[in-house]
Structures are given as C-alpha cells and as structure tokens.
Amino acid sequence: MMRQTLRTAQQMREMQSALLDVFLVPEDAQIVLAMQEQTSMYSDAVKNQKNHTLGPPHIWAMGGMLKTFKNVNPNGTDQPITMTRELHAEIVKAHDEYAEYPVEKKCDLVLICKVEKVFQRGKKQITLCLRNPQFREMILSACKGIDQMELKQGRAPSSHLERELQTLLETMEGQ
C-alpha cells in the first residue's frame, strides 16, 4: 500500500510538471502584489454573496498579472520587469480583450493562476495553466522579463511525507 502511495505521488508530480508553468519571484515583486490585490478584491466582493457572477478567483489573479505587464514601460531601463515593444503591444491588446471577455471565456482560457507561499525566504511561487498556446507563450515571455524570476522545470522533488514514507518502507523491507 505504501509503495502504491509513493508511486501515485510520483505520477502526480510528473503530471504537474507536464501541465503547469511554475516560477519563483521575489515576494515584493509588482506582479505578486497586483495578483494578491485582485484576489483580495475578489474575496471582499463575494464575502457575503452566495450566488455571484464574478467567476473563480484565478481569473482575477490573471487580470492582475495582465494589468502589471500592461503598465510596464518598454522604453524604460532599470525596471523590475523588462520586455520588448512588440511583446508589450501584444500584452496591451490581450489585457484589453481579456477585460471584455465574459467570465466563461476567461475560465476557458485560464485554468490556474495563483500565487503561493514557498519555503524559500523572500520568494513566492506563481503557478499557471493556460489553455491557449499563443496566450501561454505571450504570458511566459512576459514572465521571463521579471527581475530575479526563476523558472521551475522538471518534476518537483519528493515531499517531506513522501520521503518519510520511503524511509519507513525501506526500514520495514530491511527487517
């Protein structure tokens, strides 16, 4: 049973590495603050509403990300986010279109967009899963321009629980 649990956990990490784009950024990065601000606004808006039409919080987080990229000055130097004029023009167009999309279309385009705490001090993790390949490439290109951005690739390391189970399994098999 433990062996099957470990195998399932490994398969889950492989699946995540194939589907998700994950990167680390400084916790005080403009993009993190904008995404958190948008999800906070979402939480406040739906706090006492049972049936709302605002959609899920991840589409708001994407709105914050696009807004941050739109506000970049592509001609400026010494900025926390850098990008080409061409990419900036694409971002501006995407931002304006995204703002007009109905909730259903946003949900179809953005499957996951979230900021999470990580164990690395001073960093936050941004996780994305975007359905449209052109939109994904545009967003990833913009994300690569974030100062001190670290793209995470490949299968994630085993969790603490997985390592503990593996040690226990090896101990039991050794007896």
N, C-alpha and C. Protein backbone atom coordinates (compact mmCIF):
# COMPACT_ATOMS: atom_id res chain seq x y z
N MET A 1 0.82 -1.19 0.00
CA MET A 1 0.00 0.00 0.00
C MET A 1 0.87 1.27 0.00
N MET A 2 1.94 1.26 0.80
CA MET A 2 2.82 2.43 0.82
C MET A 2 3.52 2.61 -0.52
N ARG A 3 3.91 1.51 -1.11
CA ARG A 3 4.59 1.58 -2.41
C ARG A 3 3.66 2.20 -3.46
N GLN A 4 2.38 1.82 -3.43
CA GLN A 4 1.41 2.38 -4.37
C GLN A 4 1.20 3.88 -4.10
N THR A 5 1.16 4.26 -2.84
CA THR A 5 1.02 5.68 -2.48
C THR A 5 2.20 6.49 -3.01
N LEU A 6 3.41 5.96 -2.85
CA LEU A 6 4.60 6.65 -3.35
C LEU A 6 4.58 6.74 -4.87
N ARG A 7 4.14 5.68 -5.54
CA ARG A 7 4.06 5.68 -6.99
C ARG A 7 3.04 6.72 -7.48
N THR A 8 1.92 6.78 -6.80
CA THR A 8 0.88 7.75 -7.16
C THR A 8 1.39 9.18 -6.97
N ALA A 9 2.10 9.42 -5.88
CA ALA A 9 2.65 10.76 -5.62
C ALA A 9 3.65 11.14 -6.72
N GLN A 10 4.49 10.18 -7.13
CA GLN A 10 5.46 10.45 -8.19
C GLN A 10 4.74 10.76 -9.51
N GLN A 11 3.72 9.99 -9.83
CA GLN A 11 2.96 10.22 -11.06
C GLN A 11 2.27 11.59 -11.02
N MET A 12 1.80 11.97 -9.85
CA MET A 12 1.16 13.28 -9.70
C MET A 12 2.17 14.39 -9.95
N ARG A 13 3.38 14.27 -9.43
CA ARG A 13 4.41 15.28 -9.66
C ARG A 13 4.80 15.33 -11.13
N GLU A 14 4.85 14.19 -11.80
CA GLU A 14 5.14 14.16 -13.24
C GLU A 14 4.04 14.86 -14.03
N MET A 15 2.80 14.60 -13.67
CA MET A 15 1.65 15.22 -14.35
C MET A 15 1.69 16.73 -14.16
N GLN A 16 1.97 17.17 -12.95
CA GLN A 16 2.04 18.61 -12.67
C GLN A 16 3.14 19.26 -13.49
N SER A 17 4.29 18.60 -13.61
CA SER A 17 5.40 19.19 -14.37
C SER A 17 5.05 19.31 -15.85
N ALA A 18 4.20 18.42 -16.34
CA ALA A 18 3.81 18.46 -17.74
C ALA A 18 2.74 19.52 -18.02
N LEU A 19 1.90 19.81 -17.04
CA LEU A 19 0.76 20.70 -17.26
C LEU A 19 0.94 22.13 -16.76
N LEU A 20 1.75 22.30 -15.74
CA LEU A 20 1.84 23.60 -15.08
C LEU A 20 3.13 24.34 -15.41
N ASP A 21 3.04 25.65 -15.48
CA ASP A 21 4.20 26.53 -15.57
C ASP A 21 4.36 27.14 -14.19
N VAL A 22 5.54 26.93 -13.61
CA VAL A 22 5.78 27.37 -12.24
C VAL A 22 7.07 28.18 -12.21
N PHE A 23 7.02 29.31 -11.52
CA PHE A 23 8.24 30.08 -11.34
C PHE A 23 8.21 30.82 -10.01
N LEU A 24 9.41 31.11 -9.52
CA LEU A 24 9.57 31.84 -8.27
C LEU A 24 9.94 33.28 -8.58
N VAL A 25 9.39 34.19 -7.81
CA VAL A 25 9.69 35.61 -7.94
C VAL A 25 9.84 36.19 -6.54
N PRO A 26 10.48 37.34 -6.42
CA PRO A 26 10.56 37.98 -5.10
C PRO A 26 9.16 38.26 -4.55
N GLU A 27 8.99 38.09 -3.25
CA GLU A 27 7.65 38.25 -2.66
C GLU A 27 7.12 39.67 -2.76
N ASP A 28 8.01 40.64 -2.99
CA ASP A 28 7.56 42.02 -3.12
C ASP A 28 7.51 42.48 -4.58
N ALA A 29 7.57 41.52 -5.51
CA ALA A 29 7.50 41.86 -6.94
C ALA A 29 6.14 42.47 -7.26
N GLN A 30 6.14 43.43 -8.19
CA GLN A 30 4.90 44.10 -8.59
C GLN A 30 3.82 43.11 -8.99
N ILE A 31 4.22 42.08 -9.71
CA ILE A 31 3.24 41.11 -10.21
C ILE A 31 2.57 40.36 -9.06
N VAL A 32 3.33 40.00 -8.05
CA VAL A 32 2.77 39.30 -6.88
C VAL A 32 1.78 40.21 -6.17
N LEU A 33 2.18 41.45 -5.93
CA LEU A 33 1.31 42.39 -5.23
C LEU A 33 0.02 42.64 -6.01
N ALA A 34 0.12 42.76 -7.33
CA ALA A 34 -1.08 43.00 -8.16
C ALA A 34 -2.00 41.79 -8.15
N MET A 35 -1.44 40.60 -8.24
CA MET A 35 -2.26 39.39 -8.23
C MET A 35 -2.95 39.22 -6.88
N GLN A 36 -2.21 39.48 -5.80
CA GLN A 36 -2.80 39.38 -4.46
C GLN A 36 -3.87 40.45 -4.24
N GLU A 37 -3.64 41.64 -4.77
CA GLU A 37 -4.63 42.71 -4.64
C GLU A 37 -5.92 42.32 -5.35
N GLN A 38 -5.81 41.76 -6.55
CA GLN A 38 -7.00 41.37 -7.30
C GLN A 38 -7.77 40.25 -6.60
N THR A 39 -7.06 39.26 -6.06
CA THR A 39 -7.77 38.16 -5.38
C THR A 39 -8.37 38.65 -4.06
N SER A 40 -7.74 39.63 -3.43
CA SER A 40 -8.30 40.22 -2.22
C SER A 40 -9.58 40.99 -2.55
N MET A 41 -9.55 41.74 -3.65
CA MET A 41 -10.76 42.44 -4.09
C MET A 41 -11.87 41.45 -4.38
N TYR A 42 -11.52 40.33 -5.00
CA TYR A 42 -12.49 39.28 -5.30
C TYR A 42 -13.10 38.75 -3.99
N SER A 43 -12.24 38.45 -3.02
CA SER A 43 -12.72 37.92 -1.74
C SER A 43 -13.69 38.90 -1.07
N ASP A 44 -13.32 40.17 -1.08
CA ASP A 44 -14.20 41.19 -0.49
C ASP A 44 -15.54 41.26 -1.23
N ALA A 45 -15.49 41.14 -2.55
CA ALA A 45 -16.71 41.26 -3.35
C ALA A 45 -17.66 40.09 -3.15
N VAL A 46 -17.14 38.90 -2.89
CA VAL A 46 -18.01 37.73 -2.77
C VAL A 46 -18.26 37.30 -1.33
N LYS A 47 -17.70 38.02 -0.39
CA LYS A 47 -17.74 37.62 1.02
C LYS A 47 -19.14 37.24 1.49
N ASN A 48 -20.12 38.03 1.22
CA ASN A 48 -21.48 37.77 1.72
C ASN A 48 -22.46 37.43 0.60
N GLN A 49 -21.94 37.00 -0.53
CA GLN A 49 -22.80 36.65 -1.65
C GLN A 49 -22.75 35.16 -1.91
N LYS A 50 -23.90 34.52 -1.93
CA LYS A 50 -23.94 33.09 -2.22
C LYS A 50 -23.91 32.85 -3.72
N ASN A 51 -24.71 33.56 -4.45
CA ASN A 51 -24.79 33.38 -5.90
C ASN A 51 -24.24 34.62 -6.59
N HIS A 52 -22.97 34.60 -6.89
CA HIS A 52 -22.36 35.74 -7.57
C HIS A 52 -21.97 35.33 -8.99
N THR A 53 -21.71 36.30 -9.81
CA THR A 53 -21.36 36.04 -11.21
C THR A 53 -19.94 36.52 -11.52
N LEU A 54 -19.08 36.56 -10.50
CA LEU A 54 -17.72 37.06 -10.66
C LEU A 54 -16.74 35.99 -11.12
N GLY A 55 -17.17 34.76 -11.14
CA GLY A 55 -16.27 33.68 -11.54
C GLY A 55 -15.33 33.30 -10.41
N PRO A 56 -14.37 32.43 -10.69
CA PRO A 56 -13.42 31.99 -9.67
C PRO A 56 -12.27 33.00 -9.49
N PRO A 57 -11.56 32.93 -8.39
CA PRO A 57 -10.51 33.92 -8.10
C PRO A 57 -9.33 33.89 -9.07
N HIS A 58 -9.06 32.75 -9.69
CA HIS A 58 -7.88 32.70 -10.57
C HIS A 58 -8.01 33.59 -11.81
N ILE A 59 -9.23 33.85 -12.26
CA ILE A 59 -9.36 34.75 -13.41
C ILE A 59 -9.09 36.20 -12.99
N TRP A 60 -9.33 36.50 -11.73
CA TRP A 60 -8.98 37.82 -11.21
C TRP A 60 -7.47 37.96 -11.08
N ALA A 61 -6.82 36.89 -10.62
CA ALA A 61 -5.36 36.91 -10.50
C ALA A 61 -4.72 37.16 -11.87
N MET A 62 -5.26 36.53 -12.91
CA MET A 62 -4.74 36.75 -14.26
C MET A 62 -4.96 38.21 -14.68
N GLY A 63 -6.07 38.77 -14.30
CA GLY A 63 -6.32 40.19 -14.59
C GLY A 63 -5.25 41.07 -13.96
N GLY A 64 -4.86 40.75 -12.72
CA GLY A 64 -3.80 41.50 -12.06
C GLY A 64 -2.46 41.33 -12.75
N MET A 65 -2.19 40.12 -13.22
CA MET A 65 -0.94 39.86 -13.94
C MET A 65 -0.90 40.67 -15.24
N LEU A 66 -1.97 40.61 -16.01
CA LEU A 66 -2.02 41.35 -17.28
C LEU A 66 -1.92 42.86 -17.05
N LYS A 67 -2.58 43.35 -16.01
CA LYS A 67 -2.52 44.79 -15.69
C LYS A 67 -1.08 45.20 -15.36
N THR A 68 -0.39 44.38 -14.61
CA THR A 68 1.01 44.68 -14.26
C THR A 68 1.86 44.74 -15.52
N PHE A 69 1.72 43.76 -16.39
CA PHE A 69 2.51 43.74 -17.63
C PHE A 69 2.13 44.92 -18.54
N LYS A 70 0.85 45.27 -18.56
CA LYS A 70 0.41 46.39 -19.40
C LYS A 70 1.05 47.70 -18.94
N ASN A 71 1.24 47.85 -17.64
CA ASN A 71 1.78 49.09 -17.08
C ASN A 71 3.30 49.21 -17.19
N VAL A 72 3.95 48.21 -17.74
CA VAL A 72 5.41 48.27 -17.94
C VAL A 72 5.72 49.27 -19.04
N ASN A 73 6.76 50.04 -18.84
CA ASN A 73 7.23 50.96 -19.88
C ASN A 73 8.31 50.23 -20.67
N PRO A 74 8.02 49.81 -21.91
CA PRO A 74 9.01 49.03 -22.67
C PRO A 74 10.25 49.85 -23.04
N ASN A 75 10.19 51.15 -22.93
CA ASN A 75 11.34 52.01 -23.24
C ASN A 75 12.20 52.28 -22.01
N GLY A 76 11.65 51.99 -20.83
CA GLY A 76 12.35 52.31 -19.59
C GLY A 76 13.49 51.34 -19.31
N THR A 77 14.43 51.83 -18.55
CA THR A 77 15.54 50.99 -18.10
C THR A 77 15.49 50.93 -16.58
N ASP A 78 16.21 49.98 -16.03
CA ASP A 78 16.28 49.82 -14.58
C ASP A 78 14.87 49.63 -13.99
N GLN A 79 14.10 48.71 -14.60
CA GLN A 79 12.76 48.40 -14.13
C GLN A 79 12.73 46.96 -13.61
N PRO A 80 11.77 46.63 -12.75
CA PRO A 80 11.68 45.26 -12.25
C PRO A 80 11.14 44.27 -13.29
N ILE A 81 10.55 44.79 -14.37
CA ILE A 81 10.06 43.93 -15.46
C ILE A 81 10.52 44.57 -16.76
N THR A 82 11.14 43.78 -17.61
CA THR A 82 11.56 44.28 -18.92
C THR A 82 10.92 43.44 -20.01
N MET A 83 10.59 44.11 -21.12
CA MET A 83 10.04 43.39 -22.27
C MET A 83 10.22 44.24 -23.52
N THR A 84 10.14 43.60 -24.66
CA THR A 84 10.27 44.30 -25.93
C THR A 84 9.00 45.11 -26.21
N ARG A 85 9.12 46.05 -27.11
CA ARG A 85 7.94 46.86 -27.52
C ARG A 85 6.88 45.96 -28.15
N GLU A 86 7.34 44.99 -28.96
CA GLU A 86 6.39 44.09 -29.63
C GLU A 86 5.61 43.28 -28.61
N LEU A 87 6.31 42.73 -27.63
CA LEU A 87 5.64 41.94 -26.59
C LEU A 87 4.69 42.83 -25.79
N HIS A 88 5.12 44.03 -25.48
CA HIS A 88 4.27 44.95 -24.73
C HIS A 88 2.99 45.26 -25.51
N ALA A 89 3.11 45.45 -26.80
CA ALA A 89 1.92 45.72 -27.63
C ALA A 89 0.96 44.53 -27.59
N GLU A 90 1.51 43.31 -27.64
CA GLU A 90 0.67 42.10 -27.53
C GLU A 90 -0.03 42.05 -26.18
N ILE A 91 0.72 42.38 -25.12
CA ILE A 91 0.16 42.36 -23.76
C ILE A 91 -0.97 43.37 -23.63
N VAL A 92 -0.76 44.57 -24.13
CA VAL A 92 -1.79 45.61 -24.05
C VAL A 92 -3.06 45.13 -24.75
N LYS A 93 -2.91 44.56 -25.93
CA LYS A 93 -4.07 44.06 -26.67
C LYS A 93 -4.75 42.93 -25.90
N ALA A 94 -3.95 42.00 -25.36
CA ALA A 94 -4.51 40.88 -24.60
C ALA A 94 -5.22 41.38 -23.34
N HIS A 95 -4.64 42.34 -22.67
CA HIS A 95 -5.26 42.91 -21.46
C HIS A 95 -6.63 43.50 -21.79
N ASP A 96 -6.67 44.30 -22.85
CA ASP A 96 -7.92 44.96 -23.22
C ASP A 96 -8.99 43.95 -23.64
N GLU A 97 -8.58 42.92 -24.38
CA GLU A 97 -9.52 41.88 -24.78
C GLU A 97 -10.00 41.07 -23.58
N TYR A 98 -9.06 40.70 -22.71
CA TYR A 98 -9.39 39.92 -21.52
C TYR A 98 -10.40 40.65 -20.64
N ALA A 99 -10.23 41.96 -20.52
CA ALA A 99 -11.15 42.76 -19.69
C ALA A 99 -12.58 42.70 -20.22
N GLU A 100 -12.73 42.49 -21.52
CA GLU A 100 -14.06 42.45 -22.14
C GLU A 100 -14.66 41.04 -22.20
N TYR A 101 -13.85 40.02 -21.98
CA TYR A 101 -14.34 38.64 -22.06
C TYR A 101 -15.39 38.37 -20.99
N PRO A 102 -16.38 37.56 -21.32
CA PRO A 102 -17.30 37.10 -20.27
C PRO A 102 -16.57 36.11 -19.36
N VAL A 103 -17.10 35.92 -18.18
CA VAL A 103 -16.47 35.04 -17.19
C VAL A 103 -16.18 33.65 -17.76
N GLU A 104 -17.11 33.09 -18.53
CA GLU A 104 -16.94 31.74 -19.08
C GLU A 104 -15.71 31.65 -19.98
N LYS A 105 -15.50 32.68 -20.79
CA LYS A 105 -14.36 32.67 -21.71
C LYS A 105 -13.05 32.81 -20.93
N LYS A 106 -13.05 33.64 -19.89
CA LYS A 106 -11.86 33.77 -19.05
C LYS A 106 -11.53 32.43 -18.39
N CYS A 107 -12.55 31.75 -17.90
CA CYS A 107 -12.36 30.44 -17.25
C CYS A 107 -11.84 29.40 -18.24
N ASP A 108 -12.27 29.49 -19.48
CA ASP A 108 -11.81 28.56 -20.50
C ASP A 108 -10.35 28.82 -20.88
N LEU A 109 -9.94 30.07 -20.82
CA LEU A 109 -8.58 30.46 -21.18
C LEU A 109 -7.59 30.21 -20.05
N VAL A 110 -7.99 30.54 -18.82
CA VAL A 110 -7.11 30.45 -17.65
C VAL A 110 -7.63 29.36 -16.73
N LEU A 111 -6.91 28.26 -16.67
CA LEU A 111 -7.32 27.14 -15.82
C LEU A 111 -6.78 27.29 -14.41
N ILE A 112 -5.55 27.77 -14.29
CA ILE A 112 -4.92 28.01 -12.99
C ILE A 112 -4.06 29.26 -13.09
N CYS A 113 -4.17 30.12 -12.10
CA CYS A 113 -3.32 31.30 -11.99
C CYS A 113 -3.32 31.68 -10.52
N LYS A 114 -2.23 31.39 -9.82
CA LYS A 114 -2.21 31.65 -8.39
C LYS A 114 -0.82 31.97 -7.88
N VAL A 115 -0.80 32.67 -6.77
CA VAL A 115 0.43 32.99 -6.05
C VAL A 115 0.40 32.18 -4.76
N GLU A 116 1.53 31.54 -4.45
CA GLU A 116 1.59 30.71 -3.26
C GLU A 116 2.86 30.99 -2.47
N LYS A 117 2.78 30.72 -1.18
CA LYS A 117 3.97 30.78 -0.33
C LYS A 117 4.86 29.59 -0.66
N VAL A 118 6.16 29.78 -0.48
CA VAL A 118 7.11 28.69 -0.61
C VAL A 118 8.04 28.72 0.59
N PHE A 119 8.82 27.67 0.76
CA PHE A 119 9.72 27.61 1.90
C PHE A 119 10.93 28.52 1.74
N GLN A 120 11.22 28.91 0.53
CA GLN A 120 12.37 29.78 0.27
C GLN A 120 12.04 31.20 0.73
N ARG A 121 12.78 31.68 1.70
CA ARG A 121 12.52 33.01 2.28
C ARG A 121 12.61 34.10 1.21
N GLY A 122 11.65 35.02 1.24
CA GLY A 122 11.66 36.16 0.34
C GLY A 122 11.12 35.87 -1.06
N LYS A 123 10.57 34.67 -1.28
CA LYS A 123 10.07 34.28 -2.59
C LYS A 123 8.61 33.89 -2.53
N LYS A 124 7.95 34.00 -3.65
CA LYS A 124 6.58 33.50 -3.86
C LYS A 124 6.59 32.68 -5.13
N GLN A 125 5.69 31.72 -5.21
CA GLN A 125 5.56 30.87 -6.39
C GLN A 125 4.33 31.29 -7.17
N ILE A 126 4.50 31.46 -8.47
CA ILE A 126 3.36 31.71 -9.35
C ILE A 126 3.17 30.45 -10.18
N THR A 127 1.95 29.94 -10.17
CA THR A 127 1.60 28.73 -10.90
C THR A 127 0.55 29.08 -11.94
N LEU A 128 0.81 28.64 -13.18
CA LEU A 128 -0.09 28.92 -14.29
C LEU A 128 -0.44 27.65 -15.05
N CYS A 129 -1.65 27.60 -15.53
CA CYS A 129 -2.06 26.60 -16.52
C CYS A 129 -3.00 27.34 -17.47
N LEU A 130 -2.49 27.58 -18.67
CA LEU A 130 -3.22 28.37 -19.66
C LEU A 130 -3.54 27.49 -20.87
N ARG A 131 -4.77 27.54 -21.32
CA ARG A 131 -5.23 26.63 -22.37
C ARG A 131 -4.75 27.03 -23.76
N ASN A 132 -4.79 28.31 -24.09
CA ASN A 132 -4.43 28.76 -25.44
C ASN A 132 -2.91 28.85 -25.58
N PRO A 133 -2.30 28.12 -26.53
CA PRO A 133 -0.83 28.11 -26.65
C PRO A 133 -0.22 29.48 -26.94
N GLN A 134 -0.87 30.29 -27.78
CA GLN A 134 -0.32 31.61 -28.08
C GLN A 134 -0.38 32.53 -26.86
N PHE A 135 -1.48 32.47 -26.14
CA PHE A 135 -1.63 33.27 -24.92
C PHE A 135 -0.59 32.82 -23.89
N ARG A 136 -0.40 31.52 -23.76
CA ARG A 136 0.58 30.97 -22.82
C ARG A 136 1.98 31.46 -23.15
N GLU A 137 2.37 31.39 -24.43
CA GLU A 137 3.70 31.82 -24.83
C GLU A 137 3.91 33.31 -24.56
N MET A 138 2.89 34.10 -24.80
CA MET A 138 2.98 35.54 -24.55
C MET A 138 3.18 35.80 -23.06
N ILE A 139 2.38 35.15 -22.23
CA ILE A 139 2.48 35.35 -20.78
C ILE A 139 3.84 34.86 -20.27
N LEU A 140 4.29 33.71 -20.73
CA LEU A 140 5.59 33.19 -20.27
C LEU A 140 6.73 34.09 -20.71
N SER A 141 6.64 34.64 -21.92
CA SER A 141 7.67 35.58 -22.38
C SER A 141 7.71 36.81 -21.49
N ALA A 142 6.54 37.30 -21.11
CA ALA A 142 6.49 38.46 -20.22
C ALA A 142 7.02 38.10 -18.83
N CYS A 143 6.69 36.91 -18.35
CA CYS A 143 7.16 36.48 -17.03
C CYS A 143 8.68 36.34 -16.99
N LYS A 144 9.26 35.94 -18.10
CA LYS A 144 10.71 35.79 -18.14
C LYS A 144 11.43 37.12 -18.01
N GLY A 145 10.71 38.22 -18.20
CA GLY A 145 11.29 39.54 -18.05
C GLY A 145 11.24 40.07 -16.62
N ILE A 146 10.65 39.30 -15.70
CA ILE A 146 10.58 39.73 -14.30
C ILE A 146 11.96 39.59 -13.67
N ASP A 147 12.40 40.66 -13.02
CA ASP A 147 13.70 40.66 -12.35
C ASP A 147 13.74 39.55 -11.29
N GLN A 148 14.79 38.77 -11.29
CA GLN A 148 15.03 37.68 -10.33
C GLN A 148 14.01 36.55 -10.44
N MET A 149 13.42 36.38 -11.61
CA MET A 149 12.47 35.29 -11.84
C MET A 149 13.24 33.99 -12.04
N GLU A 150 12.74 32.93 -11.44
CA GLU A 150 13.37 31.61 -11.56
C GLU A 150 12.32 30.62 -12.06
N LEU A 151 12.44 30.19 -13.30
CA LEU A 151 11.52 29.22 -13.87
C LEU A 151 11.83 27.84 -13.31
N LYS A 152 10.82 27.16 -12.83
CA LYS A 152 10.98 25.82 -12.29
C LYS A 152 10.60 24.83 -13.38
N GLN A 153 11.52 23.95 -13.72
CA GLN A 153 11.26 22.97 -14.77
C GLN A 153 11.54 21.56 -14.26
N GLY A 154 10.89 20.61 -14.88
CA GLY A 154 11.08 19.22 -14.50
C GLY A 154 10.19 18.84 -13.33
N ARG A 155 10.31 17.59 -12.95
CA ARG A 155 9.49 17.06 -11.87
C ARG A 155 9.94 17.64 -10.53
N ALA A 156 8.99 18.02 -9.72
CA ALA A 156 9.29 18.57 -8.40
C ALA A 156 9.90 17.49 -7.52
N PRO A 157 10.71 17.88 -6.55
CA PRO A 157 11.28 16.89 -5.64
C PRO A 157 10.20 16.27 -4.76
N SER A 158 10.52 15.15 -4.18
CA SER A 158 9.59 14.47 -3.28
C SER A 158 9.27 15.35 -2.08
N SER A 159 8.05 15.24 -1.62
CA SER A 159 7.63 16.00 -0.44
C SER A 159 8.20 15.35 0.82
N HIS A 160 8.09 16.06 1.92
CA HIS A 160 8.55 15.53 3.20
C HIS A 160 7.83 14.22 3.53
N LEU A 161 6.52 14.20 3.32
CA LEU A 161 5.73 13.00 3.60
C LEU A 161 6.19 11.83 2.73
N GLU A 162 6.46 12.08 1.46
CA GLU A 162 6.95 11.01 0.58
C GLU A 162 8.28 10.46 1.07
N ARG A 163 9.17 11.35 1.47
CA ARG A 163 10.48 10.91 1.96
C ARG A 163 10.34 10.09 3.24
N GLU A 164 9.44 10.51 4.12
CA GLU A 164 9.20 9.77 5.37
C GLU A 164 8.62 8.39 5.06
N LEU A 165 7.66 8.32 4.14
CA LEU A 165 7.09 7.03 3.76
C LEU A 165 8.14 6.11 3.14
N GLN A 166 9.00 6.68 2.29
CA GLN A 166 10.06 5.91 1.66
C GLN A 166 11.02 5.34 2.71
N THR A 167 11.38 6.14 3.69
CA THR A 167 12.27 5.69 4.77
C THR A 167 11.60 4.58 5.57
N LEU A 168 10.33 4.76 5.90
CA LEU A 168 9.59 3.74 6.64
C LEU A 168 9.49 2.45 5.83
N LEU A 169 9.22 2.55 4.56
CA LEU A 169 9.12 1.38 3.69
C LEU A 169 10.45 0.63 3.63
N GLU A 170 11.54 1.37 3.46
CA GLU A 170 12.86 0.74 3.41
C GLU A 170 13.20 0.07 4.73
N THR A 171 12.81 0.68 5.84
CA THR A 171 13.05 0.08 7.17
C THR A 171 12.26 -1.21 7.32
N MET A 172 11.00 -1.19 6.89
CA MET A 172 10.16 -2.38 7.01
C MET A 172 10.65 -3.50 6.11
N GLU A 173 11.11 -3.15 4.90
CA GLU A 173 11.60 -4.17 3.97
C GLU A 173 12.93 -4.75 4.42
N GLY A 174 13.72 -3.97 5.18
CA GLY A 174 15.02 -4.42 5.65
C GLY A 174 14.93 -5.37 6.82
N GLN A 175 13.77 -5.48 7.45
CA GLN A 175 13.61 -6.36 8.62
C GLN A 175 13.26 -7.76 8.23
